Amino acid sequence: MVWIQKELQLPRFGKGFHAITRHIVEALPELKSIRVGLLHIFIQHTSASLTINEAADPDVADDLHQVFDRLAPEDLPYRHTVEGRDDMPAHVKTTLSDCSLIVPVRNGRLALGTWQGIFLCEHRRNNSGRHLILTLYGEKEPT
């Protein structure tokens, strides 16, 4: 069994839902050697989140972004406003989604479904980039 942990700094993304599966796989070349295991992905932020959703049609990401903006609009009378109008709605959106994901690993690949991808849910217009902690645990292919 092997444990591998890495920090991944994502490129700066604007507000919205952004496919990041490729970034994660590229950061973990060791993934190819894992026969069976788990990848835990944790985002170190309170105004962005993670989700697994359909990656085949970009309209899905756009629609999710629109729904989240309607669920937590900027014009509510929030008390926490010191970091800008979009900060408290970002915290609400993060609460409605996830700060971590667990993805099975099978035969050197993420065992995502045919249409699934991993997304960064960026809830702020301005950010300094996002950091993920990637923890891979599994059994290596026999050598």
N, C-alpha and C. Protein backbone atom coordinates (compact mmCIF):
# COMPACT_ATOMS: atom_id res chain seq x y z
N MET A 1 0.85 -1.18 0.00
CA MET A 1 0.00 0.00 0.00
C MET A 1 0.89 1.24 0.00
N VAL A 2 0.41 2.26 -0.64
CA VAL A 2 1.17 3.50 -0.75
C VAL A 2 0.27 4.69 -0.45
N TRP A 3 0.85 5.69 0.20
CA TRP A 3 0.19 6.97 0.44
C TRP A 3 1.00 8.02 -0.30
N ILE A 4 0.32 8.87 -1.05
CA ILE A 4 0.97 9.98 -1.75
C ILE A 4 0.11 11.22 -1.48
N GLN A 5 0.76 12.30 -1.09
CA GLN A 5 0.01 13.54 -0.87
C GLN A 5 0.74 14.69 -1.54
N LYS A 6 -0.01 15.47 -2.28
CA LYS A 6 0.53 16.61 -3.00
C LYS A 6 -0.39 17.81 -2.86
N GLU A 7 0.20 18.98 -2.97
CA GLU A 7 -0.58 20.21 -3.04
C GLU A 7 -0.60 20.65 -4.50
N LEU A 8 -1.77 21.02 -4.96
CA LEU A 8 -1.93 21.50 -6.33
C LEU A 8 -2.46 22.92 -6.30
N GLN A 9 -1.71 23.83 -6.90
CA GLN A 9 -2.21 25.20 -7.06
C GLN A 9 -2.84 25.28 -8.44
N LEU A 10 -4.13 25.54 -8.46
CA LEU A 10 -4.85 25.65 -9.73
C LEU A 10 -4.58 27.01 -10.35
N PRO A 11 -4.68 27.10 -11.67
CA PRO A 11 -4.62 28.42 -12.28
C PRO A 11 -5.80 29.26 -11.80
N ARG A 12 -5.68 30.54 -11.90
CA ARG A 12 -6.76 31.43 -11.47
C ARG A 12 -7.93 31.33 -12.44
N PHE A 13 -9.09 31.03 -11.90
CA PHE A 13 -10.31 30.92 -12.69
C PHE A 13 -11.26 32.04 -12.27
N GLY A 14 -12.09 32.48 -13.20
CA GLY A 14 -13.15 33.42 -12.88
C GLY A 14 -14.31 32.70 -12.23
N LYS A 15 -15.31 33.46 -11.85
CA LYS A 15 -16.50 32.92 -11.21
C LYS A 15 -17.18 31.93 -12.15
N GLY A 16 -17.56 30.78 -11.62
CA GLY A 16 -18.25 29.77 -12.42
C GLY A 16 -17.76 28.37 -12.06
N PHE A 17 -18.19 27.40 -12.84
CA PHE A 17 -17.84 25.99 -12.65
C PHE A 17 -16.83 25.62 -13.72
N HIS A 18 -15.67 25.10 -13.29
CA HIS A 18 -14.55 24.86 -14.20
C HIS A 18 -14.06 23.42 -14.08
N ALA A 19 -13.97 22.73 -15.22
CA ALA A 19 -13.48 21.35 -15.25
C ALA A 19 -12.00 21.34 -14.86
N ILE A 20 -11.66 20.53 -13.85
CA ILE A 20 -10.27 20.47 -13.37
C ILE A 20 -9.73 19.03 -13.32
N THR A 21 -10.45 18.08 -13.86
CA THR A 21 -9.98 16.69 -13.84
C THR A 21 -8.58 16.58 -14.42
N ARG A 22 -8.34 17.21 -15.54
CA ARG A 22 -7.04 17.15 -16.22
C ARG A 22 -5.93 17.67 -15.31
N HIS A 23 -6.18 18.78 -14.61
CA HIS A 23 -5.17 19.35 -13.71
C HIS A 23 -4.81 18.35 -12.61
N ILE A 24 -5.81 17.68 -12.09
CA ILE A 24 -5.59 16.71 -11.00
C ILE A 24 -4.78 15.52 -11.50
N VAL A 25 -5.18 14.96 -12.63
CA VAL A 25 -4.48 13.79 -13.18
C VAL A 25 -3.03 14.15 -13.52
N GLU A 26 -2.81 15.33 -14.10
CA GLU A 26 -1.45 15.74 -14.45
C GLU A 26 -0.58 15.94 -13.21
N ALA A 27 -1.18 16.34 -12.09
CA ALA A 27 -0.41 16.55 -10.86
C ALA A 27 -0.03 15.24 -10.17
N LEU A 28 -0.64 14.13 -10.60
CA LEU A 28 -0.42 12.83 -9.96
C LEU A 28 0.04 11.77 -10.96
N PRO A 29 1.26 11.86 -11.47
CA PRO A 29 1.72 10.80 -12.38
C PRO A 29 1.73 9.42 -11.72
N GLU A 30 1.82 9.39 -10.38
CA GLU A 30 1.81 8.13 -9.63
C GLU A 30 0.48 7.39 -9.77
N LEU A 31 -0.56 8.10 -10.17
CA LEU A 31 -1.89 7.49 -10.33
C LEU A 31 -1.83 6.27 -11.25
N LYS A 32 -1.00 6.34 -12.28
CA LYS A 32 -0.92 5.26 -13.27
C LYS A 32 -0.46 3.93 -12.67
N SER A 33 0.23 4.00 -11.53
CA SER A 33 0.76 2.77 -10.93
C SER A 33 -0.19 2.15 -9.90
N ILE A 34 -1.33 2.78 -9.64
CA ILE A 34 -2.25 2.29 -8.61
C ILE A 34 -3.28 1.35 -9.24
N ARG A 35 -3.31 0.10 -8.75
CA ARG A 35 -4.26 -0.89 -9.26
C ARG A 35 -5.64 -0.64 -8.69
N VAL A 36 -5.71 -0.40 -7.36
CA VAL A 36 -6.98 -0.12 -6.70
C VAL A 36 -6.70 0.85 -5.56
N GLY A 37 -7.55 1.86 -5.43
CA GLY A 37 -7.32 2.83 -4.36
C GLY A 37 -8.36 3.94 -4.34
N LEU A 38 -8.02 5.00 -3.63
CA LEU A 38 -8.91 6.15 -3.49
C LEU A 38 -8.09 7.43 -3.62
N LEU A 39 -8.70 8.43 -4.23
CA LEU A 39 -8.12 9.77 -4.28
C LEU A 39 -9.04 10.70 -3.51
N HIS A 40 -8.49 11.32 -2.48
CA HIS A 40 -9.23 12.33 -1.73
C HIS A 40 -8.75 13.69 -2.21
N ILE A 41 -9.69 14.57 -2.54
CA ILE A 41 -9.38 15.91 -3.04
C ILE A 41 -10.02 16.90 -2.07
N PHE A 42 -9.20 17.79 -1.50
CA PHE A 42 -9.68 18.76 -0.51
C PHE A 42 -9.29 20.16 -0.97
N ILE A 43 -10.24 21.09 -0.95
CA ILE A 43 -9.96 22.48 -1.30
C ILE A 43 -9.77 23.29 -0.02
N GLN A 44 -8.72 24.07 0.04
CA GLN A 44 -8.36 24.81 1.25
C GLN A 44 -8.96 26.22 1.26
N HIS A 45 -10.21 26.33 0.93
CA HIS A 45 -10.85 27.64 0.84
C HIS A 45 -12.30 27.54 1.30
N THR A 46 -12.85 28.68 1.76
CA THR A 46 -14.24 28.69 2.22
C THR A 46 -15.17 29.41 1.24
N SER A 47 -14.63 29.89 0.13
CA SER A 47 -15.49 30.58 -0.85
C SER A 47 -15.38 29.95 -2.23
N ALA A 48 -14.94 28.71 -2.26
CA ALA A 48 -14.92 27.90 -3.47
C ALA A 48 -15.16 26.46 -3.03
N SER A 49 -15.62 25.63 -3.95
CA SER A 49 -15.94 24.25 -3.58
C SER A 49 -15.66 23.32 -4.75
N LEU A 50 -16.00 22.05 -4.55
CA LEU A 50 -15.75 21.02 -5.55
C LEU A 50 -17.03 20.24 -5.82
N THR A 51 -17.15 19.73 -7.02
CA THR A 51 -18.27 18.86 -7.34
C THR A 51 -17.86 17.91 -8.46
N ILE A 52 -18.57 16.80 -8.54
CA ILE A 52 -18.47 15.91 -9.69
C ILE A 52 -19.78 16.04 -10.43
N ASN A 53 -19.66 16.31 -11.74
CA ASN A 53 -20.88 16.49 -12.53
C ASN A 53 -20.58 16.18 -13.99
N GLU A 54 -21.58 16.40 -14.83
CA GLU A 54 -21.42 16.12 -16.25
C GLU A 54 -20.38 17.03 -16.87
N ALA A 55 -19.42 16.43 -17.56
CA ALA A 55 -18.35 17.19 -18.20
C ALA A 55 -18.47 17.20 -19.71
N ALA A 56 -19.45 16.51 -20.27
CA ALA A 56 -19.57 16.41 -21.72
C ALA A 56 -20.16 17.67 -22.35
N ASP A 57 -21.10 18.30 -21.68
CA ASP A 57 -21.79 19.46 -22.23
C ASP A 57 -21.50 20.68 -21.36
N PRO A 58 -20.80 21.69 -21.89
CA PRO A 58 -20.47 22.87 -21.08
C PRO A 58 -21.68 23.65 -20.59
N ASP A 59 -22.84 23.43 -21.20
CA ASP A 59 -24.06 24.09 -20.73
C ASP A 59 -24.41 23.69 -19.29
N VAL A 60 -24.03 22.47 -18.90
CA VAL A 60 -24.32 22.02 -17.54
C VAL A 60 -23.60 22.92 -16.53
N ALA A 61 -22.32 23.20 -16.74
CA ALA A 61 -21.57 24.06 -15.83
C ALA A 61 -22.16 25.46 -15.80
N ASP A 62 -22.54 25.98 -16.95
CA ASP A 62 -23.15 27.32 -17.01
C ASP A 62 -24.49 27.35 -16.27
N ASP A 63 -25.30 26.30 -16.45
CA ASP A 63 -26.59 26.24 -15.77
C ASP A 63 -26.41 26.12 -14.25
N LEU A 64 -25.46 25.31 -13.81
CA LEU A 64 -25.20 25.18 -12.37
C LEU A 64 -24.79 26.53 -11.78
N HIS A 65 -23.94 27.24 -12.47
CA HIS A 65 -23.51 28.57 -12.02
C HIS A 65 -24.72 29.50 -11.88
N GLN A 66 -25.61 29.47 -12.85
CA GLN A 66 -26.81 30.32 -12.82
C GLN A 66 -27.72 29.95 -11.64
N VAL A 67 -27.90 28.66 -11.40
CA VAL A 67 -28.75 28.22 -10.30
C VAL A 67 -28.15 28.65 -8.96
N PHE A 68 -26.85 28.45 -8.79
CA PHE A 68 -26.21 28.85 -7.53
C PHE A 68 -26.35 30.35 -7.30
N ASP A 69 -26.22 31.16 -8.36
CA ASP A 69 -26.39 32.61 -8.19
C ASP A 69 -27.81 32.96 -7.77
N ARG A 70 -28.79 32.20 -8.21
CA ARG A 70 -30.17 32.46 -7.79
C ARG A 70 -30.45 31.97 -6.37
N LEU A 71 -29.78 30.88 -5.97
CA LEU A 71 -29.96 30.36 -4.61
C LEU A 71 -29.34 31.27 -3.55
N ALA A 72 -28.23 31.90 -3.91
CA ALA A 72 -27.52 32.78 -2.96
C ALA A 72 -27.16 34.08 -3.67
N PRO A 73 -28.15 34.95 -3.87
CA PRO A 73 -27.89 36.21 -4.59
C PRO A 73 -27.07 37.19 -3.75
N GLU A 74 -26.40 38.08 -4.44
CA GLU A 74 -25.57 39.08 -3.76
C GLU A 74 -26.38 40.18 -3.09
N ASP A 75 -27.63 40.36 -3.48
CA ASP A 75 -28.40 41.51 -2.97
C ASP A 75 -29.20 41.23 -1.69
N LEU A 76 -28.98 40.09 -1.05
CA LEU A 76 -29.61 39.87 0.25
C LEU A 76 -28.92 40.75 1.30
N PRO A 77 -29.61 41.07 2.39
CA PRO A 77 -28.99 41.93 3.41
C PRO A 77 -28.06 41.14 4.34
N TYR A 78 -26.93 40.64 3.78
CA TYR A 78 -25.95 39.90 4.57
C TYR A 78 -25.27 40.84 5.57
N ARG A 79 -24.89 40.30 6.71
CA ARG A 79 -24.12 41.07 7.69
C ARG A 79 -22.63 40.99 7.40
N HIS A 80 -22.17 39.86 6.91
CA HIS A 80 -20.75 39.69 6.59
C HIS A 80 -20.49 40.24 5.18
N THR A 81 -20.00 41.47 5.11
CA THR A 81 -19.78 42.13 3.81
C THR A 81 -18.38 42.73 3.69
N VAL A 82 -17.53 42.53 4.69
CA VAL A 82 -16.23 43.20 4.72
C VAL A 82 -15.34 42.80 3.53
N GLU A 83 -15.52 41.62 2.96
CA GLU A 83 -14.68 41.17 1.85
C GLU A 83 -15.36 41.33 0.49
N GLY A 84 -16.45 42.06 0.44
CA GLY A 84 -17.11 42.31 -0.84
C GLY A 84 -18.49 41.67 -0.92
N ARG A 85 -19.27 42.15 -1.87
CA ARG A 85 -20.66 41.70 -2.04
C ARG A 85 -20.77 40.22 -2.39
N ASP A 86 -19.75 39.67 -3.04
CA ASP A 86 -19.85 38.27 -3.46
C ASP A 86 -19.27 37.29 -2.44
N ASP A 87 -18.74 37.79 -1.31
CA ASP A 87 -18.10 36.90 -0.34
C ASP A 87 -19.10 36.05 0.44
N MET A 88 -20.09 36.65 1.07
CA MET A 88 -21.05 35.85 1.84
C MET A 88 -21.85 34.91 0.94
N PRO A 89 -22.31 35.35 -0.23
CA PRO A 89 -22.96 34.38 -1.12
C PRO A 89 -22.03 33.21 -1.47
N ALA A 90 -20.72 33.48 -1.57
CA ALA A 90 -19.76 32.41 -1.85
C ALA A 90 -19.73 31.40 -0.70
N HIS A 91 -19.78 31.88 0.53
CA HIS A 91 -19.80 30.97 1.68
C HIS A 91 -21.07 30.12 1.68
N VAL A 92 -22.20 30.72 1.34
CA VAL A 92 -23.46 29.96 1.26
C VAL A 92 -23.34 28.87 0.20
N LYS A 93 -22.82 29.22 -0.97
CA LYS A 93 -22.68 28.24 -2.06
C LYS A 93 -21.74 27.10 -1.68
N THR A 94 -20.67 27.43 -0.97
CA THR A 94 -19.75 26.39 -0.50
C THR A 94 -20.45 25.46 0.48
N THR A 95 -21.30 26.02 1.34
CA THR A 95 -22.04 25.19 2.29
C THR A 95 -23.00 24.25 1.57
N LEU A 96 -23.53 24.67 0.44
CA LEU A 96 -24.47 23.84 -0.34
C LEU A 96 -23.76 22.77 -1.17
N SER A 97 -22.46 22.90 -1.31
CA SER A 97 -21.70 21.94 -2.11
C SER A 97 -20.65 21.28 -1.21
N ASP A 98 -19.49 20.93 -1.75
CA ASP A 98 -18.52 20.16 -0.98
C ASP A 98 -17.15 20.83 -0.96
N CYS A 99 -16.42 20.61 0.14
CA CYS A 99 -15.03 21.06 0.21
C CYS A 99 -14.08 19.90 -0.06
N SER A 100 -14.62 18.68 -0.19
CA SER A 100 -13.77 17.54 -0.53
C SER A 100 -14.57 16.50 -1.30
N LEU A 101 -13.82 15.69 -2.03
CA LEU A 101 -14.40 14.61 -2.83
C LEU A 101 -13.53 13.36 -2.65
N ILE A 102 -14.12 12.20 -2.77
CA ILE A 102 -13.38 10.95 -2.81
C ILE A 102 -13.74 10.26 -4.12
N VAL A 103 -12.71 9.91 -4.89
CA VAL A 103 -12.91 9.27 -6.19
C VAL A 103 -12.17 7.93 -6.17
N PRO A 104 -12.85 6.85 -6.54
CA PRO A 104 -12.16 5.57 -6.61
C PRO A 104 -11.12 5.57 -7.74
N VAL A 105 -10.08 4.79 -7.53
CA VAL A 105 -9.04 4.60 -8.54
C VAL A 105 -9.04 3.13 -8.92
N ARG A 106 -9.03 2.88 -10.22
CA ARG A 106 -9.03 1.50 -10.72
C ARG A 106 -8.09 1.41 -11.92
N ASN A 107 -7.14 0.50 -11.83
CA ASN A 107 -6.21 0.23 -12.93
C ASN A 107 -5.55 1.51 -13.47
N GLY A 108 -5.06 2.33 -12.54
CA GLY A 108 -4.28 3.51 -12.92
C GLY A 108 -5.08 4.70 -13.40
N ARG A 109 -6.38 4.67 -13.20
CA ARG A 109 -7.23 5.77 -13.67
C ARG A 109 -8.28 6.11 -12.63
N LEU A 110 -8.74 7.35 -12.68
CA LEU A 110 -9.89 7.72 -11.85
C LEU A 110 -11.10 6.97 -12.38
N ALA A 111 -11.86 6.36 -11.51
CA ALA A 111 -13.00 5.54 -11.91
C ALA A 111 -14.26 6.41 -11.98
N LEU A 112 -14.17 7.48 -12.74
CA LEU A 112 -15.32 8.36 -12.96
C LEU A 112 -16.23 7.73 -14.01
N GLY A 113 -17.50 8.07 -13.96
CA GLY A 113 -18.44 7.60 -14.97
C GLY A 113 -18.15 8.23 -16.32
N THR A 114 -18.78 7.70 -17.35
CA THR A 114 -18.53 8.13 -18.72
C THR A 114 -18.61 9.64 -18.91
N TRP A 115 -19.60 10.27 -18.32
CA TRP A 115 -19.82 11.70 -18.55
C TRP A 115 -19.31 12.57 -17.41
N GLN A 116 -18.76 11.95 -16.37
CA GLN A 116 -18.39 12.70 -15.17
C GLN A 116 -17.04 13.39 -15.27
N GLY A 117 -16.95 14.53 -14.60
CA GLY A 117 -15.70 15.25 -14.45
C GLY A 117 -15.69 15.93 -13.10
N ILE A 118 -14.49 16.31 -12.66
CA ILE A 118 -14.32 17.02 -11.39
C ILE A 118 -14.29 18.51 -11.71
N PHE A 119 -15.05 19.29 -10.94
CA PHE A 119 -15.17 20.72 -11.19
C PHE A 119 -14.77 21.54 -9.97
N LEU A 120 -14.07 22.63 -10.22
CA LEU A 120 -13.90 23.69 -9.24
C LEU A 120 -15.12 24.59 -9.36
N CYS A 121 -15.77 24.84 -8.26
CA CYS A 121 -16.89 25.78 -8.21
C CYS A 121 -16.33 27.07 -7.64
N GLU A 122 -16.01 27.99 -8.51
CA GLU A 122 -15.44 29.28 -8.06
C GLU A 122 -16.58 30.24 -7.83
N HIS A 123 -16.76 30.64 -6.59
CA HIS A 123 -17.90 31.46 -6.21
C HIS A 123 -17.57 32.95 -6.09
N ARG A 124 -16.32 33.32 -6.32
CA ARG A 124 -15.91 34.72 -6.22
C ARG A 124 -15.43 35.23 -7.58
N ARG A 125 -15.67 36.51 -7.81
CA ARG A 125 -15.16 37.13 -9.04
C ARG A 125 -13.64 37.31 -8.98
N ASN A 126 -13.16 37.75 -7.83
CA ASN A 126 -11.73 37.97 -7.64
C ASN A 126 -11.20 36.99 -6.61
N ASN A 127 -10.15 36.30 -6.97
CA ASN A 127 -9.51 35.36 -6.05
C ASN A 127 -8.03 35.30 -6.41
N SER A 128 -7.26 34.76 -5.51
CA SER A 128 -5.82 34.68 -5.76
C SER A 128 -5.40 33.29 -6.20
N GLY A 129 -6.31 32.51 -6.69
CA GLY A 129 -6.02 31.12 -7.07
C GLY A 129 -6.43 30.20 -5.94
N ARG A 130 -6.60 28.96 -6.26
CA ARG A 130 -7.10 27.98 -5.29
C ARG A 130 -6.10 26.84 -5.12
N HIS A 131 -6.02 26.33 -3.89
CA HIS A 131 -5.11 25.24 -3.56
C HIS A 131 -5.91 23.99 -3.20
N LEU A 132 -5.47 22.88 -3.75
CA LEU A 132 -6.06 21.58 -3.43
C LEU A 132 -5.01 20.71 -2.76
N ILE A 133 -5.45 19.89 -1.82
CA ILE A 133 -4.61 18.83 -1.27
C ILE A 133 -5.12 17.53 -1.87
N LEU A 134 -4.24 16.82 -2.55
CA LEU A 134 -4.57 15.56 -3.20
C LEU A 134 -3.91 14.44 -2.39
N THR A 135 -4.72 13.52 -1.88
CA THR A 135 -4.19 12.40 -1.12
C THR A 135 -4.61 11.11 -1.82
N LEU A 136 -3.61 10.40 -2.34
CA LEU A 136 -3.83 9.16 -3.07
C LEU A 136 -3.39 8.00 -2.19
N TYR A 137 -4.27 7.03 -2.04
CA TYR A 137 -3.98 5.85 -1.24
C TYR A 137 -4.37 4.64 -2.06
N GLY A 138 -3.47 3.66 -2.12
CA GLY A 138 -3.86 2.49 -2.86
C GLY A 138 -2.80 1.42 -2.95
N GLU A 139 -3.18 0.38 -3.63
CA GLU A 139 -2.32 -0.77 -3.86
C GLU A 139 -1.72 -0.65 -5.25
N LYS A 140 -0.39 -0.73 -5.31
CA LYS A 140 0.30 -0.59 -6.59
C LYS A 140 0.17 -1.86 -7.42
N GLU A 141 0.32 -1.66 -8.71
CA GLU A 141 0.38 -2.80 -9.63
C GLU A 141 1.57 -3.66 -9.24
N PRO A 142 1.44 -4.98 -9.29
CA PRO A 142 2.59 -5.83 -8.98
C PRO A 142 3.72 -5.58 -10.01
N THR A 143 4.95 -5.60 -9.51
CA THR A 143 6.09 -5.36 -10.44
C THR A 143 6.78 -6.63 -10.81
